[in-house]
Protein backbone atom coordinates (compact mmCIF):
# COMPACT_ATOMS: atom_id res chain seq x y z
CA UNK A 1 47.86 51.16 88.16
CA UNK A 2 45.43 52.17 85.46
CA UNK A 3 43.65 49.77 83.13
CA UNK A 4 45.82 50.58 80.10
CA UNK A 5 49.06 49.78 81.93
CA UNK A 6 47.53 46.57 83.32
CA UNK A 7 46.48 45.37 79.87
CA UNK A 8 49.88 46.13 78.37
CA UNK A 9 51.62 44.27 81.19
CA UNK A 10 49.46 41.20 80.56
CA UNK A 11 50.17 41.37 76.82
CA UNK A 12 53.87 41.76 77.47
CA UNK A 13 54.01 38.73 79.71
CA UNK A 14 52.15 36.63 77.15
CA UNK A 15 54.78 37.59 74.59
CA UNK A 16 57.57 36.89 77.06
CA UNK A 17 56.15 33.50 77.95
CA UNK A 18 55.91 32.50 74.30
CA UNK A 19 59.50 33.50 73.62
CA UNK A 20 60.76 31.69 76.69
CA UNK A 21 58.91 28.53 75.76
CA UNK A 22 60.55 28.71 72.33
CA UNK A 23 63.89 28.84 74.12
CA UNK A 24 62.99 25.85 76.23
CA UNK A 25 60.83 23.37 74.38
CA UNK A 26 60.75 21.39 71.20
CA UNK A 27 58.34 18.52 71.70
CA UNK A 28 56.91 16.40 68.93
CA UNK A 29 53.90 15.23 70.93
CA UNK A 30 52.17 17.44 73.50
CA UNK A 31 49.15 15.18 73.87
CA UNK A 32 48.12 13.84 77.26
CA UNK A 33 47.19 10.29 78.15
CA UNK A 34 44.91 8.63 80.65
CA UNK A 35 47.88 8.02 82.92
CA UNK A 36 48.82 11.70 83.13
CA UNK A 37 48.77 13.19 86.61
CA UNK A 38 46.66 16.31 87.15
CA UNK A 39 48.32 19.67 87.63
CA UNK A 40 49.37 20.70 91.12
CA UNK A 41 49.94 24.08 92.77
CA UNK A 42 51.32 24.52 96.26
CA UNK A 43 53.29 26.90 98.47
CA UNK A 44 56.63 25.78 99.88
CA UNK A 45 58.66 27.35 102.68
CA UNK A 46 62.43 26.97 102.91
CA UNK A 47 65.00 28.38 105.31
CA UNK A 48 67.72 29.99 103.21
CA UNK A 49 70.58 32.01 104.68
CA UNK A 50 68.74 32.06 108.03
CA UNK A 51 65.51 33.44 106.55
CA UNK A 52 62.23 31.61 105.95
CA UNK A 53 61.48 32.06 102.27
CA UNK A 54 58.37 30.97 100.40
CA UNK A 55 57.41 30.31 96.79
CA UNK A 56 54.48 28.97 94.84
CA UNK A 57 55.16 26.14 92.42
CA UNK A 58 52.95 24.90 89.62
CA UNK A 59 53.48 21.42 88.23
CA UNK A 60 51.77 20.97 84.85
CA UNK A 61 49.33 18.29 83.79
CA UNK A 62 51.13 15.11 82.81
CA UNK A 63 54.46 15.91 84.43
CA UNK A 64 54.89 12.21 85.24
CA UNK A 65 55.24 11.51 81.51
CA UNK A 66 57.14 14.64 80.47
CA UNK A 67 60.70 13.75 81.42
CA UNK A 68 63.03 16.58 82.43
CA UNK A 69 61.10 19.84 82.15
CA UNK A 70 62.11 23.49 81.74
CA UNK A 71 61.58 25.80 84.72
CA UNK A 72 60.50 29.44 84.67
CA UNK A 73 60.88 31.80 87.64
CA UNK A 74 58.14 34.46 87.42
CA UNK A 75 59.26 37.27 89.74
CA UNK A 76 56.78 39.79 91.14
CA UNK A 77 57.34 43.53 91.28
CA UNK A 78 57.93 45.73 94.31
CA UNK A 79 55.24 45.34 96.99
CA UNK A 80 53.90 42.39 94.99
CA UNK A 81 53.18 38.77 95.88
CA UNK A 82 53.39 35.42 94.09
CA UNK A 83 49.59 35.35 93.93
CA UNK A 84 49.49 38.81 92.40
CA UNK A 85 52.11 37.78 89.87
CA UNK A 86 50.02 34.77 88.90
CA UNK A 87 47.13 37.14 88.21
CA UNK A 88 49.09 39.23 85.70
CA UNK A 89 51.44 36.51 84.41
CA UNK A 90 49.42 33.32 84.53
CA UNK A 91 51.49 30.87 82.50
CA UNK A 92 49.56 27.79 83.59
CA UNK A 93 47.92 27.09 80.24
CA UNK A 94 51.30 27.31 78.51
CA UNK A 95 52.89 25.18 81.24
CA UNK A 96 50.26 22.47 80.75
CA UNK A 97 50.64 22.55 76.98
CA UNK A 98 54.43 22.55 76.82
CA UNK A 99 55.20 20.78 80.13
CA UNK A 100 57.00 23.55 81.99
CA UNK A 101 57.39 23.91 85.75
CA UNK A 102 56.55 27.37 87.13
CA UNK A 103 57.91 28.98 90.28
CA UNK A 104 56.48 32.22 91.66
CA UNK A 105 58.84 33.24 94.49
CA UNK A 106 58.14 35.76 97.26
CA UNK A 107 60.54 38.57 98.09
CA UNK A 108 61.40 39.60 101.64
CA UNK A 109 58.78 42.16 102.68
CA UNK A 110 57.46 41.80 99.13
CA UNK A 111 60.60 43.24 97.53
CA UNK A 112 63.88 42.06 96.00
CA UNK A 113 67.52 42.98 96.47
CA UNK A 114 68.16 43.92 92.85
CA UNK A 115 71.16 46.13 93.77
CA UNK A 116 69.16 49.31 94.36
CA UNK A 117 68.45 50.48 97.95
CA UNK A 118 65.31 48.37 98.37
CA UNK A 119 64.24 47.02 101.76
CA UNK A 120 65.94 43.62 101.20
CA UNK A 121 69.06 45.43 100.04
CA UNK A 122 69.15 47.45 103.26
CA UNK A 123 68.56 44.27 105.27
CA UNK A 124 71.43 42.49 103.52
CA UNK A 125 69.21 39.82 101.95
CA UNK A 126 71.12 37.72 99.43
CA UNK A 127 68.49 37.08 96.78
CA UNK A 128 71.03 35.71 94.29
CA UNK A 129 71.78 32.97 96.84
CA UNK A 130 68.03 32.46 97.27
CA UNK A 131 67.53 31.79 93.56
CA UNK A 132 70.64 29.63 93.37
CA UNK A 133 69.31 27.42 96.14
CA UNK A 134 65.86 27.42 94.56
CA UNK A 135 67.48 25.96 91.44
CA UNK A 136 69.06 23.21 93.55
CA UNK A 137 65.80 22.50 95.36
CA UNK A 138 63.74 22.23 92.18
CA UNK A 139 66.31 20.03 90.41
CA UNK A 140 66.65 17.74 93.42
CA UNK A 141 62.93 17.41 94.14
CA UNK A 142 61.24 17.68 90.75
CA UNK A 143 61.87 16.55 87.21
CA UNK A 144 63.54 19.80 86.14
CA UNK A 145 66.18 20.23 83.44
CA UNK A 146 68.99 22.23 85.02
CA UNK A 147 70.06 23.54 81.60
CA UNK A 148 66.63 25.07 80.93
CA UNK A 149 65.97 27.42 83.84
CA UNK A 150 64.65 30.88 82.95
CA UNK A 151 63.79 34.06 84.84
CA UNK A 152 61.22 36.72 84.00
CA UNK A 153 59.95 39.60 86.10
CA UNK A 154 58.30 42.98 86.15
CA UNK A 155 59.60 46.21 87.72
CA UNK A 156 61.55 45.22 90.87
CA UNK A 157 61.28 41.63 89.64
CA UNK A 158 62.62 42.73 86.27
CA UNK A 159 65.63 44.40 87.88
CA UNK A 160 66.14 41.17 89.83
CA UNK A 161 65.99 39.15 86.61
CA UNK A 162 68.73 41.38 85.16
CA UNK A 163 70.86 40.76 88.22
CA UNK A 164 70.35 37.01 87.91
CA UNK A 165 71.43 37.15 84.27
CA UNK A 166 74.66 38.80 85.40
CA UNK A 167 75.45 36.88 88.57
CA UNK A 168 73.80 33.51 88.05
CA UNK A 169 74.57 32.85 84.40
CA UNK A 170 75.70 29.34 85.29
CA UNK A 171 72.09 28.52 86.26
CA UNK A 172 69.83 30.92 84.33
CA UNK A 173 69.57 30.08 80.62
CA UNK A 174 67.83 33.33 79.57
CA UNK A 175 65.95 36.27 81.05
CA UNK A 176 62.91 38.34 80.09
CA UNK A 177 62.49 41.75 81.72
CA UNK A 178 59.39 43.95 81.74
CA UNK A 179 59.27 47.61 82.87
CA UNK A 180 62.79 47.50 84.29
CA UNK A 181 66.45 47.87 83.35
CA UNK A 182 69.50 47.15 85.54
CA UNK A 183 70.94 48.87 88.61
CA UNK A 184 73.64 51.24 87.35
CA UNK A 185 76.03 51.75 90.28
CA UNK A 186 77.12 48.25 91.28
CA UNK A 187 75.31 45.61 89.20
CA UNK A 188 75.81 46.91 85.65
CA UNK A 189 79.52 47.86 86.04
CA UNK A 190 80.27 44.41 87.46
CA UNK A 191 78.09 42.42 85.08
CA UNK A 192 80.48 39.79 83.76
CA UNK A 193 78.49 36.61 83.18
CA UNK A 194 80.42 33.46 82.44
CA UNK A 195 78.49 33.07 79.19
CA UNK A 196 76.36 35.16 76.87
CA UNK A 197 72.86 35.22 78.36
CA UNK A 198 69.99 35.68 75.87
CA UNK A 199 67.63 38.41 77.07
CA UNK A 200 64.53 40.32 76.04
CA UNK A 201 63.62 43.71 77.50
CA UNK A 202 60.06 45.05 77.19
CA UNK A 203 59.97 48.70 78.18
CA UNK A 204 57.86 51.79 77.56
CA UNK A 205 59.72 54.74 76.07
CA UNK A 206 57.61 57.05 78.26
CA UNK A 207 57.64 54.84 81.34
CA UNK A 208 56.82 57.24 84.22
CA UNK A 209 58.71 55.20 86.83
CA UNK A 210 61.72 53.64 85.12
CA UNK A 211 63.24 56.01 82.53
CA UNK A 212 63.76 54.29 79.19
CA UNK A 213 67.13 56.00 78.68
CA UNK A 214 68.29 55.42 82.25
CA UNK A 215 68.70 57.77 85.18
CA UNK A 216 66.86 58.28 88.44
CA UNK A 217 63.41 56.76 88.81
CA UNK A 218 60.64 59.35 88.55
CA UNK A 219 56.85 59.61 88.75
CA UNK A 220 54.29 61.14 86.40
CA UNK A 221 53.22 60.71 82.82
CA UNK A 222 50.33 58.78 81.35
CA UNK A 223 51.26 57.36 77.97
CA UNK A 224 52.80 53.90 77.88
CA UNK A 225 54.41 52.44 74.79
CA UNK A 226 55.81 48.99 74.18
CA UNK A 227 59.33 48.50 72.94
CA UNK A 228 60.98 45.20 72.19
CA UNK A 229 64.71 44.68 72.29
CA UNK A 230 66.58 41.38 72.04
CA UNK A 231 70.27 41.24 72.81
CA UNK A 232 72.89 39.33 74.75
CA UNK A 233 74.32 40.51 78.06
């Protein structure tokens, strides 16, 4: 990935994070006190649907005094990792400021079953179930507001975010998608969420991998443009 694309991705995720925090938070006092606990980051492994799954969680500074907090899933792209996603979408400063819990999950063989023929798709991995159980785990074990759970992702993670908006609308309050659309054969035709899901799509009109107007994924091209679109699924 060249430097220009990398910079644009980082800028896009900063914009996404700001918008998602606006969805989630409205605090009168963001100050910390002497009794605030320090931030904490750790990796957790869970067995879900017979598979050992892992994810990195970040608990913000002062979470002991924050009450029920919003949660953001930040979903890596194809062949990515939670650690790599943190590098390009590091929301920790925002999480500390606005008291938001972050979860950076790991896909099976570093990919997601977003409906396209990815490795997890071919293996029959149920990633919608994975995220549903992640919601339960975080609500049951941390001070998370179940009505303020959001998903954002890039590329394969963006496609997965779209799928979650369709199939997990009872848990996911809103989605933010970067450099991705939605799988056209099975996911899009059957996208019937139980509620309107707010969404933002950030996509280059000359994206060399994911065509802006749809169609088969391709390679080639150099120019990347940013395009912002807000709508409801």
